[in-house]
Amino acid sequence: MELGTLYIVATPIGNLEDITLRALRILKEVNLIACEDTRHSRVLLDKYEIKTPTTSYHSYSNDSKLQFIIEKLTSGHSVAVISDAGTPGISDPAFTLIRAARDANITITPIPGASALLTALVASGLPMHHFRYYGFLPLKKGRQTLLTSWRTAAEEKNLDETIIFYESPHRIARTLEDLIKHLGNTADGWDVVLGRELTKLHEEFIRGSLSEVSARLKKSTPKGEFVVLLSYRRF
């Protein structure tokens, strides 16, 4: 029996119009859509009258759900995997499914589209020739070591890349304080851009030095998930 295809379908990060024609066609044609949150995805699917059956696949899904999807694929069914927002596999559980499909020799086809980190980068005004994405920073173990390594690279003028990571609204102020603390004497040399509510009605980019942006967020923390971009301007 011919194996099915796993489609990695990027979905909008905010504005529901930010989806490709190809993505809409694939979502209508596949046999099953694996969603990070079926209720969240239903808003998008209903808007475009997509009636394809869905199943949940999220961080807390057990091995039996993964096996269920792989069995669908090995039985010749086509499956699309989508995240709550953006490109599946980037800081979401789709990576585990993609790897399992690879190991089962299933054809994997990416359907490109929106990505929060690239959306923020191209609008940041920070260097784009080299960048490094860290997902979410460690909460405790490893955080100080990572931030200190950035300071060392800056001190040695060996940092020619823009640093990108995600942060939640209730941790962003603390994270900026940690950056100032652990970047030490290099802190004033960093430019920072915060992108929030990207592609949505209240989209905003907050730019400045670490101290300026940190002071602003101490007065009031805007809502929405953040993309944080850092660039050391003294290399």
C-alpha atoms as a PDB file:
ATOM      1  CA  MET A   1       0.000   0.000   0.000  1.00  0.00           C
ATOM      2  CA  GLU A   2       1.272   3.466  -0.862  1.00  0.00           C
ATOM      3  CA  LEU A   3       2.082   5.628   2.127  1.00  0.00           C
ATOM      4  CA  GLY A   4       0.259   8.881   2.755  1.00  0.00           C
ATOM      5  CA  THR A   5       1.804  12.342   2.962  1.00  0.00           C
ATOM      6  CA  LEU A   6       2.271  14.521   6.018  1.00  0.00           C
ATOM      7  CA  TYR A   7       1.752  18.184   5.137  1.00  0.00           C
ATOM      8  CA  ILE A   8       3.268  20.773   7.466  1.00  0.00           C
ATOM      9  CA  VAL A   9       0.884  23.669   6.951  1.00  0.00           C
ATOM     10  CA  ALA A  10       1.667  27.161   8.211  1.00  0.00           C
ATOM     11  CA  THR A  11      -1.382  29.065   9.463  1.00  0.00           C
ATOM     12  CA  PRO A  12      -1.876  32.753  10.341  1.00  0.00           C
ATOM     13  CA  ILE A  13      -0.219  34.174  13.461  1.00  0.00           C
ATOM     14  CA  GLY A  14      -3.053  36.649  13.910  1.00  0.00           C
ATOM     15  CA  ASN A  15      -4.796  38.029  10.851  1.00  0.00           C
ATOM     16  CA  LEU A  16      -6.799  35.174   9.318  1.00  0.00           C
ATOM     17  CA  GLU A  17      -6.168  36.506   5.819  1.00  0.00           C
ATOM     18  CA  ASP A  18      -2.488  35.577   6.127  1.00  0.00           C
ATOM     19  CA  ILE A  19      -2.840  32.079   4.706  1.00  0.00           C
ATOM     20  CA  THR A  20      -1.839  30.901   1.254  1.00  0.00           C
ATOM     21  CA  LEU A  21      -4.145  29.566  -1.424  1.00  0.00           C
ATOM     22  CA  ARG A  22      -2.119  26.360  -1.455  1.00  0.00           C
ATOM     23  CA  ALA A  23      -2.568  25.918   2.297  1.00  0.00           C
ATOM     24  CA  LEU A  24      -6.336  26.278   1.973  1.00  0.00           C
ATOM     25  CA  ARG A  25      -6.424  23.719  -0.841  1.00  0.00           C
ATOM     26  CA  ILE A  26      -4.351  21.201   1.111  1.00  0.00           C
ATOM     27  CA  LEU A  27      -6.476  21.599   4.238  1.00  0.00           C
ATOM     28  CA  LYS A  28      -9.559  20.819   2.165  1.00  0.00           C
ATOM     29  CA  GLU A  29      -8.016  17.854   0.337  1.00  0.00           C
ATOM     30  CA  VAL A  30      -6.322  15.899   3.155  1.00  0.00           C
ATOM     31  CA  ASN A  31      -8.087  13.134   5.033  1.00  0.00           C
ATOM     32  CA  LEU A  32      -7.275  14.486   8.496  1.00  0.00           C
ATOM     33  CA  ILE A  33      -6.005  17.673  10.137  1.00  0.00           C
ATOM     34  CA  ALA A  34      -3.950  17.326  13.313  1.00  0.00           C
ATOM     35  CA  CYS A  35      -4.455  20.518  15.346  1.00  0.00           C
ATOM     36  CA  GLU A  36      -2.628  21.803  18.387  1.00  0.00           C
ATOM     37  CA  ASP A  37      -6.034  22.950  19.688  1.00  0.00           C
ATOM     38  CA  THR A  38      -9.075  21.891  17.664  1.00  0.00           C
ATOM     39  CA  ARG A  39     -11.268  24.629  19.161  1.00  0.00           C
ATOM     40  CA  HIS A  40      -8.748  27.326  18.276  1.00  0.00           C
ATOM     41  CA  SER A  41      -8.260  25.972  14.753  1.00  0.00           C
ATOM     42  CA  ARG A  42     -11.988  25.725  14.192  1.00  0.00           C
ATOM     43  CA  VAL A  43     -12.171  29.528  13.852  1.00  0.00           C
ATOM     44  CA  LEU A  44      -9.834  29.412  10.849  1.00  0.00           C
ATOM     45  CA  LEU A  45     -11.382  26.299   9.338  1.00  0.00           C
ATOM     46  CA  ASP A  46     -14.922  27.654   9.624  1.00  0.00           C
ATOM     47  CA  LYS A  47     -13.930  30.960   8.039  1.00  0.00           C
ATOM     48  CA  TYR A  48     -12.781  29.129   4.919  1.00  0.00           C
ATOM     49  CA  GLU A  49     -15.518  26.453   5.045  1.00  0.00           C
ATOM     50  CA  ILE A  50     -13.080  23.603   5.540  1.00  0.00           C
ATOM     51  CA  LYS A  51     -14.965  20.481   6.601  1.00  0.00           C
ATOM     52  CA  THR A  52     -12.009  18.079   6.898  1.00  0.00           C
ATOM     53  CA  PRO A  53     -12.075  15.932  10.090  1.00  0.00           C
ATOM     54  CA  THR A  54      -9.731  17.094  12.832  1.00  0.00           C
ATOM     55  CA  THR A  55      -7.904  15.493  15.728  1.00  0.00           C
ATOM     56  CA  SER A  56      -5.963  17.108  18.546  1.00  0.00           C
ATOM     57  CA  TYR A  57      -2.201  16.766  18.766  1.00  0.00           C
ATOM     58  CA  HIS A  58      -0.597  18.871  21.475  1.00  0.00           C
ATOM     59  CA  SER A  59       2.118  18.879  24.127  1.00  0.00           C
ATOM     60  CA  TYR A  60       0.130  16.574  26.392  1.00  0.00           C
ATOM     61  CA  SER A  61      -0.864  14.040  23.745  1.00  0.00           C
ATOM     62  CA  ASN A  62       0.245  10.532  24.648  1.00  0.00           C
ATOM     63  CA  ASP A  63       2.034   8.015  22.479  1.00  0.00           C
ATOM     64  CA  SER A  64      -1.246   6.421  21.408  1.00  0.00           C
ATOM     65  CA  LYS A  65      -2.318   9.642  19.646  1.00  0.00           C
ATOM     66  CA  LEU A  66       1.018   9.849  17.855  1.00  0.00           C
ATOM     67  CA  GLN A  67       0.666   6.209  16.812  1.00  0.00           C
ATOM     68  CA  PHE A  68      -2.901   6.860  15.624  1.00  0.00           C
ATOM     69  CA  ILE A  69      -1.714   9.587  13.246  1.00  0.00           C
ATOM     70  CA  ILE A  70       1.259   7.542  12.004  1.00  0.00           C
ATOM     71  CA  GLU A  71      -1.050   4.598  11.328  1.00  0.00           C
ATOM     72  CA  LYS A  72      -3.296   6.861   9.274  1.00  0.00           C
ATOM     73  CA  LEU A  73      -0.282   7.896   7.207  1.00  0.00           C
ATOM     74  CA  THR A  74       1.061   4.376   6.759  1.00  0.00           C
ATOM     75  CA  SER A  75      -2.434   3.293   5.657  1.00  0.00           C
ATOM     76  CA  GLY A  76      -2.298   5.736   2.768  1.00  0.00           C
ATOM     77  CA  HIS A  77      -4.190   8.649   4.280  1.00  0.00           C
ATOM     78  CA  SER A  78      -2.930  12.208   3.936  1.00  0.00           C
ATOM     79  CA  VAL A  79      -2.621  14.306   7.088  1.00  0.00           C
ATOM     80  CA  ALA A  80      -2.035  18.035   7.583  1.00  0.00           C
ATOM     81  CA  VAL A  81      -0.519  19.211  10.843  1.00  0.00           C
ATOM     82  CA  ILE A  82      -1.188  22.779  11.967  1.00  0.00           C
ATOM     83  CA  SER A  83      -0.281  24.724  15.079  1.00  0.00           C
ATOM     84  CA  ASP A  84      -2.331  27.356  16.874  1.00  0.00           C
ATOM     85  CA  ALA A  85      -0.401  30.000  14.953  1.00  0.00           C
ATOM     86  CA  GLY A  86       2.463  30.068  12.477  1.00  0.00           C
ATOM     87  CA  THR A  87       4.651  27.290  11.178  1.00  0.00           C
ATOM     88  CA  PRO A  88       4.315  23.872  12.879  1.00  0.00           C
ATOM     89  CA  GLY A  89       7.404  22.447  14.550  1.00  0.00           C
ATOM     90  CA  ILE A  90       8.791  25.776  15.764  1.00  0.00           C
ATOM     91  CA  SER A  91       8.344  25.771  19.543  1.00  0.00           C
ATOM     92  CA  ASP A  92       5.320  23.487  19.335  1.00  0.00           C
ATOM     93  CA  PRO A  93       4.688  19.707  19.560  1.00  0.00           C
ATOM     94  CA  ALA A  94       4.483  19.116  15.800  1.00  0.00           C
ATOM     95  CA  PHE A  95       8.219  18.401  15.821  1.00  0.00           C
ATOM     96  CA  THR A  96       7.645  15.002  17.459  1.00  0.00           C
ATOM     97  CA  LEU A  97       5.097  14.032  14.796  1.00  0.00           C
ATOM     98  CA  ILE A  98       7.345  15.226  11.967  1.00  0.00           C
ATOM     99  CA  ARG A  99      10.269  13.201  13.297  1.00  0.00           C
ATOM    100  CA  ALA A 100       8.105  10.079  13.704  1.00  0.00           C
ATOM    101  CA  ALA A 101       6.877  10.468  10.113  1.00  0.00           C
ATOM    102  CA  ARG A 102      10.463  10.779   8.913  1.00  0.00           C
ATOM    103  CA  ASP A 103      11.429   7.612  10.754  1.00  0.00           C
ATOM    104  CA  ALA A 104       8.489   5.811   9.114  1.00  0.00           C
ATOM    105  CA  ASN A 105       9.685   6.909   5.646  1.00  0.00           C
ATOM    106  CA  ILE A 106       6.541   8.952   5.112  1.00  0.00           C
ATOM    107  CA  THR A 107       6.707  11.795   2.601  1.00  0.00           C
ATOM    108  CA  ILE A 108       6.823  15.155   4.393  1.00  0.00           C
ATOM    109  CA  THR A 109       5.725  18.207   2.417  1.00  0.00           C
ATOM    110  CA  PRO A 110       6.033  21.724   3.878  1.00  0.00           C
ATOM    111  CA  ILE A 111       3.413  24.325   2.974  1.00  0.00           C
ATOM    112  CA  PRO A 112       5.162  27.616   3.854  1.00  0.00           C
ATOM    113  CA  GLY A 113       3.515  30.665   5.330  1.00  0.00           C
ATOM    114  CA  ALA A 114       3.467  32.835   8.411  1.00  0.00           C
ATOM    115  CA  SER A 115       6.152  32.667  11.097  1.00  0.00           C
ATOM    116  CA  ALA A 116       6.253  35.018  14.078  1.00  0.00           C
ATOM    117  CA  LEU A 117      10.039  35.113  14.304  1.00  0.00           C
ATOM    118  CA  LEU A 118      10.517  36.058  10.630  1.00  0.00           C
ATOM    119  CA  THR A 119       7.643  38.537  10.729  1.00  0.00           C
ATOM    120  CA  ALA A 120       9.265  40.310  13.677  1.00  0.00           C
ATOM    121  CA  LEU A 121      12.768  40.150  12.192  1.00  0.00           C
ATOM    122  CA  VAL A 122      11.943  41.780   8.863  1.00  0.00           C
ATOM    123  CA  ALA A 123      10.194  44.693  10.611  1.00  0.00           C
ATOM    124  CA  SER A 124      12.747  45.117  13.402  1.00  0.00           C
ATOM    125  CA  GLY A 125      15.361  47.136  11.568  1.00  0.00           C
ATOM    126  CA  LEU A 126      18.031  44.922  13.138  1.00  0.00           C
ATOM    127  CA  PRO A 127      20.637  43.043  11.064  1.00  0.00           C
ATOM    128  CA  MET A 128      19.166  40.118   9.137  1.00  0.00           C
ATOM    129  CA  HIS A 129      22.251  38.622   7.481  1.00  0.00           C
ATOM    130  CA  HIS A 130      22.786  36.336  10.503  1.00  0.00           C
ATOM    131  CA  PHE A 131      20.285  35.516  13.222  1.00  0.00           C
ATOM    132  CA  ARG A 132      19.829  32.824  15.840  1.00  0.00           C
ATOM    133  CA  TYR A 133      16.503  31.664  17.246  1.00  0.00           C
ATOM    134  CA  TYR A 134      16.286  30.304  20.802  1.00  0.00           C
ATOM    135  CA  GLY A 135      12.572  29.533  21.206  1.00  0.00           C
ATOM    136  CA  PHE A 136      11.684  30.247  24.832  1.00  0.00           C
ATOM    137  CA  LEU A 137      14.656  30.891  27.122  1.00  0.00           C
ATOM    138  CA  PRO A 138      15.285  28.501  30.024  1.00  0.00           C
ATOM    139  CA  LEU A 139      13.262  29.575  33.036  1.00  0.00           C
ATOM    140  CA  LYS A 140      15.950  28.790  35.605  1.00  0.00           C
ATOM    141  CA  LYS A 141      18.597  26.181  34.883  1.00  0.00           C
ATOM    142  CA  GLY A 142      20.831  27.334  32.081  1.00  0.00           C
ATOM    143  CA  ARG A 143      19.449  30.872  31.796  1.00  0.00           C
ATOM    144  CA  GLN A 144      22.366  32.636  33.448  1.00  0.00           C
ATOM    145  CA  THR A 145      24.880  30.574  31.488  1.00  0.00           C
ATOM    146  CA  LEU A 146      23.189  31.430  28.194  1.00  0.00           C
ATOM    147  CA  LEU A 147      22.911  35.162  28.880  1.00  0.00           C
ATOM    148  CA  THR A 148      26.476  35.309  30.123  1.00  0.00           C
ATOM    149  CA  SER A 149      27.648  33.652  26.905  1.00  0.00           C
ATOM    150  CA  TRP A 150      26.031  36.511  24.958  1.00  0.00           C
ATOM    151  CA  ARG A 151      27.900  39.031  27.104  1.00  0.00           C
ATOM    152  CA  THR A 152      31.199  37.216  26.519  1.00  0.00           C
ATOM    153  CA  ALA A 153      30.618  37.189  22.766  1.00  0.00           C
ATOM    154  CA  ALA A 154      29.871  40.912  22.852  1.00  0.00           C
ATOM    155  CA  GLU A 155      32.965  41.671  24.905  1.00  0.00           C
ATOM    156  CA  GLU A 156      35.095  39.717  22.466  1.00  0.00           C
ATOM    157  CA  LYS A 157      33.372  41.472  19.543  1.00  0.00           C
ATOM    158  CA  ASN A 158      32.489  38.039  18.225  1.00  0.00           C
ATOM    159  CA  LEU A 159      28.742  38.545  17.904  1.00  0.00           C
ATOM    160  CA  ASP A 160      27.487  39.371  14.426  1.00  0.00           C
ATOM    161  CA  GLU A 161      23.982  37.940  14.643  1.00  0.00           C
ATOM    162  CA  THR A 162      20.577  39.088  15.799  1.00  0.00           C
ATOM    163  CA  ILE A 163      19.237  37.038  18.703  1.00  0.00           C
ATOM    164  CA  ILE A 164      15.546  36.104  18.623  1.00  0.00           C
ATOM    165  CA  PHE A 165      13.389  34.417  21.259  1.00  0.00           C
ATOM    166  CA  TYR A 166       9.781  34.277  22.439  1.00  0.00           C
ATOM    167  CA  GLU A 167       8.479  35.450  25.803  1.00  0.00           C
ATOM    168  CA  SER A 168       5.130  35.500  27.582  1.00  0.00           C
ATOM    169  CA  PRO A 169       3.533  38.756  28.795  1.00  0.00           C
ATOM    170  CA  HIS A 170       3.806  37.856  32.480  1.00  0.00           C
ATOM    171  CA  ARG A 171       7.546  37.120  32.218  1.00  0.00           C
ATOM    172  CA  ILE A 172       8.754  39.789  29.797  1.00  0.00           C
ATOM    173  CA  ALA A 173       9.589  42.459  32.392  1.00  0.00           C
ATOM    174  CA  ARG A 174      11.570  39.974  34.491  1.00  0.00           C
ATOM    175  CA  THR A 175      13.411  38.694  31.426  1.00  0.00           C
ATOM    176  CA  LEU A 176      14.491  42.210  30.479  1.00  0.00           C
ATOM    177  CA  GLU A 177      15.812  42.704  34.010  1.00  0.00           C
ATOM    178  CA  ASP A 178      17.748  39.444  33.717  1.00  0.00           C
ATOM    179  CA  LEU A 179      19.233  40.602  30.421  1.00  0.00           C
ATOM    180  CA  ILE A 180      20.454  43.857  31.946  1.00  0.00           C
ATOM    181  CA  LYS A 181      21.878  41.986  34.923  1.00  0.00           C
ATOM    182  CA  HIS A 182      23.719  39.227  33.068  1.00  0.00           C
ATOM    183  CA  LEU A 183      24.826  41.231  30.044  1.00  0.00           C
ATOM    184  CA  GLY A 184      26.676  43.419  32.535  1.00  0.00           C
ATOM    185  CA  ASN A 185      28.919  46.116  31.141  1.00  0.00           C
ATOM    186  CA  THR A 186      27.772  45.377  27.585  1.00  0.00           C
ATOM    187  CA  ALA A 187      24.086  46.067  28.354  1.00  0.00           C
ATOM    188  CA  ASP A 188      24.122  49.638  27.043  1.00  0.00           C
ATOM    189  CA  GLY A 189      25.468  48.417  23.707  1.00  0.00           C
ATOM    190  CA  TRP A 190      22.438  46.281  22.852  1.00  0.00           C
ATOM    191  CA  ASP A 191      19.482  47.365  20.739  1.00  0.00           C
ATOM    192  CA  VAL A 192      16.241  45.598  21.548  1.00  0.00           C
ATOM    193  CA  VAL A 193      12.980  45.296  19.649  1.00  0.00           C
ATOM    194  CA  LEU A 194       9.836  43.761  21.104  1.00  0.00           C
ATOM    195  CA  GLY A 195       7.137  42.675  18.685  1.00  0.00           C
ATOM    196  CA  ARG A 196       3.698  41.894  20.078  1.00  0.00           C
ATOM    197  CA  GLU A 197       0.237  41.142  18.697  1.00  0.00           C
ATOM    198  CA  LEU A 198       1.863  40.661  15.302  1.00  0.00           C
ATOM    199  CA  THR A 199      -0.542  41.044  12.327  1.00  0.00           C
ATOM    200  CA  LYS A 200      -3.406  41.788  14.741  1.00  0.00           C
ATOM    201  CA  LEU A 201      -5.341  45.008  15.356  1.00  0.00           C
ATOM    202  CA  HIS A 202      -3.028  46.175  18.150  1.00  0.00           C
ATOM    203  CA  GLU A 203       0.265  45.182  16.538  1.00  0.00           C
ATOM    204  CA  GLU A 204       3.153  47.048  18.134  1.00  0.00           C
ATOM    205  CA  PHE A 205       6.933  47.243  17.949  1.00  0.00           C
ATOM    206  CA  ILE A 206       8.749  48.629  20.971  1.00  0.00           C
ATOM    207  CA  ARG A 207      12.295  49.759  20.175  1.00  0.00           C
ATOM    208  CA  GLY A 208      15.163  51.155  22.199  1.00  0.00           C
ATOM    209  CA  SER A 209      18.041  50.235  24.470  1.00  0.00           C
ATOM    210  CA  LEU A 210      17.574  47.509  27.055  1.00  0.00           C
ATOM    211  CA  SER A 211      17.224  50.047  29.846  1.00  0.00           C
ATOM    212  CA  GLU A 212      14.718  52.162  27.894  1.00  0.00           C
ATOM    213  CA  VAL A 213      12.502  49.245  26.971  1.00  0.00           C
ATOM    214  CA  SER A 214      12.744  47.726  30.443  1.00  0.00           C
ATOM    215  CA  ALA A 215      11.716  51.023  32.055  1.00  0.00           C
ATOM    216  CA  ARG A 216       8.752  51.300  29.726  1.00  0.00           C
ATOM    217  CA  LEU A 217       7.476  47.840  30.574  1.00  0.00           C
ATOM    218  CA  LYS A 218       7.808  48.484  34.299  1.00  0.00           C
ATOM    219  CA  LYS A 219       5.197  51.215  33.946  1.00  0.00           C
ATOM    220  CA  SER A 220       2.746  48.975  32.106  1.00  0.00           C
ATOM    221  CA  THR A 221       3.093  45.579  30.474  1.00  0.00           C
ATOM    222  CA  PRO A 222       1.158  45.304  27.203  1.00  0.00           C
ATOM    223  CA  LYS A 223      -0.840  42.161  26.582  1.00  0.00           C
ATOM    224  CA  GLY A 224       0.050  39.529  24.019  1.00  0.00           C
ATOM    225  CA  GLU A 225       2.921  37.160  23.362  1.00  0.00           C
ATOM    226  CA  PHE A 226       6.269  38.790  22.618  1.00  0.00           C
ATOM    227  CA  VAL A 227       8.979  38.206  20.070  1.00  0.00           C
ATOM    228  CA  VAL A 228      12.227  39.629  21.498  1.00  0.00           C
ATOM    229  CA  LEU A 229      15.079  40.621  19.186  1.00  0.00           C
ATOM    230  CA  LEU A 230      18.525  41.708  20.360  1.00  0.00           C
ATOM    231  CA  SER A 231      21.484  43.043  18.416  1.00  0.00           C
ATOM    232  CA  TYR A 232      24.834  44.197  19.771  1.00  0.00           C
ATOM    233  CA  ARG A 233      25.708  47.336  17.852  1.00  0.00           C
ATOM    234  CA  ARG A 234      29.390  47.493  18.798  1.00  0.00           C
ATOM    235  CA  PHE A 235      30.709  44.548  16.822  1.00  0.00           C
END
